[in-house]
Amino acid sequence: MGKKPDQLIQSIDRAFDILELLVEKGSSMGVTEISERTKLHKSTVYRLLATLRYRGYVKKDNHEKYKIGFKLFELGSSVINNIDLRSDAKPFLRELMNISEETVHLGVLDDNQVVYIDKVESENTIRMYSKIGRRNHASSTSLGKVILAYSDREVVDKVIREEGLKKLTENTITDEEQFKKHLAKVRSQGYAIDNEEQEYGIRCIAGPIFDHTGEVIAAFSISGPTMRMTKEKVESLKPVIKEYSKKISESFGCNGFC
């Protein structure tokens, strides 16, 4: 919560105090309890509750106590559903391309594979081939590995069971135990690297994107040919990836625990 504005509307501020209290409590509350917890006079609480009830933000239960109404849920769901992952992430992808001078991808996990849903192309003459909508193995790409590293164990097991750990190059991790140890390392360091594991001549580094609940919802990567994406360059991009993982996740409401 930021600094209290000079032109604060007291009645609205107090109404939000009541709403936040009811959400925090998670069960019905009487006027007396609300009055005591908010330090507002009962008559004030009555008036505010009457307005909130009229607008559908609170409702009464069978014991004449108040609880959160569906209107608040409706508004929250609308905000979440209207978040456009691609458009919201795009400015950050452009910044990353300008910093790295390499192609930046945005990807999600779908049906055990990584799907590229957006990209910002590098202006270099020699570029890596990729297209929006393309699918790749989650276990051999930096995008897939960083998403799996922050996913539930059941998701990882499902990918391994149904998709397998296919050997695409000499660098691909194909042993299940080794792969799970690798994911644990990815999670602890906050980024994943594809060191020619998906395709020879291509090196990538990726970071996770979290939503307002702290769940991983996507990932972004910086990719390029190994002649430019040297190990030294990847090393220099590690703090950039972690910085932008935090920035992009914060834009989706993930604060404090990402």
Protein backbone atom coordinates (compact mmCIF):
# COMPACT_ATOMS: atom_id res chain seq x y z
CA MET A 1 0.00 0.00 0.00
CA GLY A 2 1.38 3.38 -0.99
CA LYS A 3 1.41 6.73 0.75
CA LYS A 4 -2.03 7.95 1.83
CA PRO A 5 -3.20 10.65 -0.61
CA ASP A 6 -3.95 14.17 0.60
CA GLN A 7 -7.43 14.10 -0.99
CA LEU A 8 -8.50 10.76 0.45
CA ILE A 9 -12.27 10.11 0.42
CA GLN A 10 -12.86 8.83 3.92
CA SER A 11 -16.07 6.90 3.27
CA ILE A 12 -14.50 4.94 0.40
CA ASP A 13 -11.40 4.26 2.47
CA ARG A 14 -13.56 2.93 5.31
CA ALA A 15 -15.62 0.78 2.94
CA PHE A 16 -12.45 -0.86 1.70
CA ASP A 17 -11.36 -1.45 5.30
CA ILE A 18 -14.56 -3.44 5.81
CA LEU A 19 -14.20 -5.37 2.55
CA GLU A 20 -10.58 -6.28 3.29
CA LEU A 21 -11.54 -7.34 6.82
CA LEU A 22 -14.28 -9.65 5.53
CA VAL A 23 -11.93 -11.14 2.94
CA GLU A 24 -9.24 -11.68 5.57
CA LYS A 25 -11.69 -13.24 8.04
CA GLY A 26 -13.11 -15.57 5.42
CA SER A 27 -16.39 -16.02 7.30
CA SER A 28 -19.44 -14.00 8.32
CA MET A 29 -19.08 -11.14 10.80
CA GLY A 30 -21.58 -9.14 12.80
CA VAL A 31 -21.78 -5.36 12.92
CA THR A 32 -20.37 -5.24 16.44
CA GLU A 33 -17.31 -7.29 15.54
CA ILE A 34 -16.70 -5.25 12.38
CA SER A 35 -17.05 -2.05 14.40
CA GLU A 36 -14.53 -3.24 16.97
CA ARG A 37 -12.03 -4.48 14.40
CA THR A 38 -12.19 -1.36 12.21
CA LYS A 39 -12.58 1.08 15.13
CA LEU A 40 -15.59 2.62 13.37
CA HIS A 41 -18.84 3.60 15.05
CA LYS A 42 -21.66 1.09 14.61
CA SER A 43 -23.84 3.61 12.80
CA THR A 44 -21.03 4.20 10.28
CA VAL A 45 -20.59 0.46 9.79
CA TYR A 46 -24.34 0.04 9.21
CA ARG A 47 -24.38 2.75 6.53
CA LEU A 48 -21.33 1.41 4.73
CA LEU A 49 -22.60 -2.18 4.84
CA ALA A 50 -25.98 -1.07 3.48
CA THR A 51 -24.27 0.56 0.48
CA LEU A 52 -21.95 -2.38 -0.10
CA ARG A 53 -24.88 -4.78 0.14
CA TYR A 54 -26.88 -2.72 -2.36
CA ARG A 55 -23.98 -2.93 -4.83
CA GLY A 56 -23.54 -6.68 -4.26
CA TYR A 57 -20.14 -6.55 -2.57
CA VAL A 58 -21.44 -7.99 0.71
CA LYS A 59 -24.47 -10.07 1.62
CA LYS A 60 -26.22 -11.27 4.76
CA ASP A 61 -26.29 -14.86 5.90
CA ASN A 62 -29.12 -16.62 7.78
CA HIS A 63 -27.86 -15.21 11.09
CA GLU A 64 -27.98 -11.58 9.89
CA LYS A 65 -24.20 -11.43 9.70
CA TYR A 66 -22.26 -10.10 6.74
CA LYS A 67 -19.92 -11.83 4.33
CA ILE A 68 -18.33 -11.12 0.96
CA GLY A 69 -20.74 -11.12 -2.00
CA PHE A 70 -20.14 -12.45 -5.47
CA LYS A 71 -19.63 -9.00 -6.99
CA LEU A 72 -16.09 -8.82 -5.61
CA PHE A 73 -15.34 -12.26 -7.04
CA GLU A 74 -16.81 -11.16 -10.36
CA LEU A 75 -14.57 -8.10 -10.54
CA GLY A 76 -11.47 -10.05 -9.55
CA SER A 77 -12.17 -12.76 -12.11
CA SER A 78 -12.74 -10.14 -14.79
CA VAL A 79 -9.36 -8.52 -14.11
CA ILE A 80 -7.56 -11.87 -14.21
CA ASN A 81 -9.34 -13.03 -17.35
CA ASN A 82 -8.59 -9.79 -19.16
CA ILE A 83 -4.86 -9.96 -18.57
CA ASP A 84 -3.28 -10.44 -21.99
CA LEU A 85 -0.02 -12.26 -21.46
CA ARG A 86 1.40 -11.32 -24.82
CA SER A 87 0.56 -7.61 -24.81
CA ASP A 88 1.55 -7.11 -21.18
CA ALA A 89 4.89 -8.87 -21.63
CA LYS A 90 5.73 -7.31 -25.03
CA PRO A 91 7.41 -4.10 -23.78
CA PHE A 92 9.73 -6.19 -21.59
CA LEU A 93 10.58 -8.50 -24.49
CA ARG A 94 11.54 -5.48 -26.60
CA GLU A 95 13.76 -4.17 -23.82
CA LEU A 96 15.47 -7.55 -23.51
CA MET A 97 16.10 -7.68 -27.26
CA ASN A 98 17.67 -4.22 -27.15
CA ILE A 99 19.87 -5.20 -24.20
CA SER A 100 20.99 -8.55 -25.61
CA GLU A 101 20.70 -7.85 -29.36
CA GLU A 102 19.34 -11.39 -29.65
CA THR A 103 15.89 -12.88 -30.31
CA VAL A 104 13.59 -13.00 -27.26
CA HIS A 105 10.80 -15.58 -26.97
CA LEU A 106 7.74 -15.88 -24.77
CA GLY A 107 6.48 -19.40 -24.17
CA VAL A 108 3.98 -21.45 -22.18
CA LEU A 109 3.65 -25.12 -21.31
CA ASP A 110 0.82 -26.80 -23.19
CA ASP A 111 0.13 -30.52 -23.52
CA ASN A 112 3.60 -31.40 -22.18
CA GLN A 113 5.38 -29.17 -24.70
CA VAL A 114 6.57 -25.57 -24.91
CA VAL A 115 4.61 -23.36 -27.28
CA TYR A 116 6.12 -20.08 -28.49
CA ILE A 117 3.36 -17.49 -28.17
CA ASP A 118 5.38 -14.38 -29.01
CA LYS A 119 8.84 -13.20 -29.94
CA VAL A 120 10.84 -10.08 -30.66
CA GLU A 121 13.29 -10.73 -33.48
CA SER A 122 16.92 -9.72 -33.33
CA GLU A 123 18.12 -7.34 -36.01
CA ASN A 124 21.28 -9.37 -36.55
CA THR A 125 21.86 -10.73 -40.04
CA ILE A 126 22.35 -14.29 -38.77
CA ARG A 127 19.28 -15.30 -36.75
CA MET A 128 17.94 -18.48 -35.24
CA TYR A 129 14.86 -19.93 -36.88
CA SER A 130 11.67 -19.83 -34.84
CA LYS A 131 8.04 -18.93 -35.32
CA ILE A 132 5.08 -18.14 -33.10
CA GLY A 133 3.00 -21.26 -32.53
CA ARG A 134 5.94 -23.62 -32.86
CA ARG A 135 6.19 -26.43 -30.32
CA ASN A 136 9.35 -27.85 -28.76
CA HIS A 137 10.26 -30.39 -26.13
CA ALA A 138 9.94 -28.93 -22.63
CA SER A 139 12.82 -31.02 -21.28
CA SER A 140 15.45 -29.76 -23.73
CA THR A 141 14.60 -26.04 -24.01
CA SER A 142 15.47 -23.32 -21.53
CA LEU A 143 11.84 -22.12 -21.63
CA GLY A 144 10.50 -25.57 -20.82
CA LYS A 145 13.05 -26.35 -18.14
CA VAL A 146 12.47 -23.12 -16.23
CA ILE A 147 8.67 -23.62 -16.31
CA LEU A 148 9.03 -27.23 -15.14
CA ALA A 149 11.45 -26.19 -12.39
CA TYR A 150 8.69 -24.12 -10.77
CA SER A 151 5.83 -26.51 -11.56
CA ASP A 152 4.33 -29.16 -9.28
CA ARG A 153 6.04 -32.54 -9.21
CA GLU A 154 2.97 -34.10 -10.85
CA VAL A 155 3.43 -31.82 -13.89
CA VAL A 156 7.09 -32.82 -14.25
CA ASP A 157 6.28 -36.52 -13.87
CA LYS A 158 3.55 -36.23 -16.50
CA VAL A 159 5.91 -34.60 -19.01
CA ILE A 160 8.54 -37.28 -18.42
CA ARG A 161 5.98 -40.11 -18.61
CA GLU A 162 4.06 -38.93 -21.66
CA GLU A 163 6.64 -36.92 -23.63
CA GLY A 164 9.84 -38.63 -22.53
CA LEU A 165 13.36 -37.26 -22.26
CA LYS A 166 14.30 -37.50 -25.92
CA LYS A 167 17.96 -37.31 -26.93
CA LEU A 168 18.18 -34.51 -29.48
CA THR A 169 21.88 -33.69 -29.16
CA GLU A 170 24.84 -34.99 -27.19
CA ASN A 171 24.02 -32.37 -24.51
CA THR A 172 20.39 -33.37 -23.93
CA ILE A 173 19.67 -34.70 -20.44
CA THR A 174 17.93 -38.07 -20.86
CA ASP A 175 18.29 -39.59 -17.40
CA GLU A 176 15.23 -38.93 -15.19
CA GLU A 177 17.11 -38.61 -11.89
CA GLN A 178 19.71 -36.31 -13.44
CA PHE A 179 16.96 -34.23 -15.07
CA LYS A 180 15.11 -33.73 -11.77
CA LYS A 181 18.36 -32.70 -10.06
CA HIS A 182 18.92 -30.25 -12.90
CA LEU A 183 15.44 -28.75 -12.39
CA ALA A 184 16.19 -28.30 -8.67
CA LYS A 185 19.34 -26.37 -9.64
CA VAL A 186 17.36 -24.25 -12.11
CA ARG A 187 14.85 -23.39 -9.41
CA SER A 188 17.55 -22.41 -6.91
CA GLN A 189 19.39 -20.16 -9.38
CA GLY A 190 16.32 -18.59 -10.99
CA TYR A 191 17.11 -19.28 -14.64
CA ALA A 192 17.63 -22.15 -17.09
CA ILE A 193 20.17 -22.55 -19.87
CA ASP A 194 19.81 -24.57 -23.07
CA ASN A 195 23.41 -25.31 -23.97
CA GLU A 196 22.79 -26.82 -27.41
CA GLU A 197 20.42 -29.35 -25.84
CA GLN A 198 17.54 -28.78 -28.26
CA GLU A 199 19.55 -27.93 -31.36
CA TYR A 200 23.23 -27.74 -32.25
CA GLY A 201 24.51 -24.21 -32.73
CA ILE A 202 21.83 -22.57 -30.56
CA ARG A 203 22.26 -21.42 -26.96
CA CYS A 204 19.49 -19.90 -24.81
CA ILE A 205 18.85 -18.62 -21.31
CA ALA A 206 15.35 -18.30 -19.82
CA GLY A 207 13.57 -16.93 -16.78
CA PRO A 208 10.16 -17.72 -15.23
CA ILE A 209 7.06 -15.50 -15.15
CA PHE A 210 4.73 -15.78 -12.15
CA ASP A 211 1.15 -14.61 -11.73
CA HIS A 212 -0.56 -12.93 -8.76
CA THR A 213 -0.79 -16.28 -6.90
CA GLY A 214 2.90 -17.06 -7.30
CA GLU A 215 2.25 -19.78 -9.88
CA VAL A 216 4.52 -20.00 -12.92
CA ILE A 217 2.44 -19.13 -15.99
CA ALA A 218 5.06 -18.65 -18.71
CA ALA A 219 8.71 -18.06 -19.40
CA PHE A 220 10.86 -15.82 -21.58
CA SER A 221 14.20 -16.59 -23.17
CA ILE A 222 17.08 -14.91 -24.96
CA SER A 223 18.31 -17.10 -27.80
CA GLY A 224 20.95 -16.92 -30.46
CA PRO A 225 23.61 -18.77 -32.42
CA THR A 226 26.52 -19.99 -30.30
CA MET A 227 28.93 -17.84 -32.31
CA ARG A 228 27.29 -14.81 -30.62
CA MET A 229 25.63 -16.42 -27.59
CA THR A 230 28.92 -17.49 -26.12
CA LYS A 231 29.15 -18.92 -22.62
CA GLU A 232 30.62 -15.59 -21.52
CA LYS A 233 27.65 -13.70 -22.95
CA VAL A 234 25.21 -16.08 -21.26
CA GLU A 235 27.04 -15.48 -17.99
CA SER A 236 26.62 -11.71 -18.40
CA LEU A 237 22.88 -12.17 -19.08
CA LYS A 238 22.14 -14.12 -15.90
CA PRO A 239 21.47 -11.02 -13.73
CA VAL A 240 19.42 -9.49 -16.57
CA ILE A 241 17.21 -12.58 -16.73
CA LYS A 242 16.63 -12.52 -12.97
CA GLU A 243 15.88 -8.79 -13.02
CA TYR A 244 13.32 -9.13 -15.81
CA SER A 245 11.77 -12.23 -14.30
CA LYS A 246 10.95 -10.07 -11.28
CA LYS A 247 9.80 -7.09 -13.38
CA ILE A 248 7.48 -9.07 -15.65
CA SER A 249 6.06 -11.11 -12.76
CA GLU A 250 5.35 -7.92 -10.81
CA SER A 251 3.39 -6.63 -13.80
CA PHE A 252 1.13 -9.68 -13.36
CA GLY A 253 0.61 -8.98 -9.66
CA CYS A 254 3.34 -11.14 -8.18
CA ASN A 255 4.82 -9.12 -5.34
CA GLY A 256 6.95 -10.00 -2.37
CA PHE A 257 7.31 -13.74 -2.91
CA CYS A 258 8.71 -14.02 -6.43
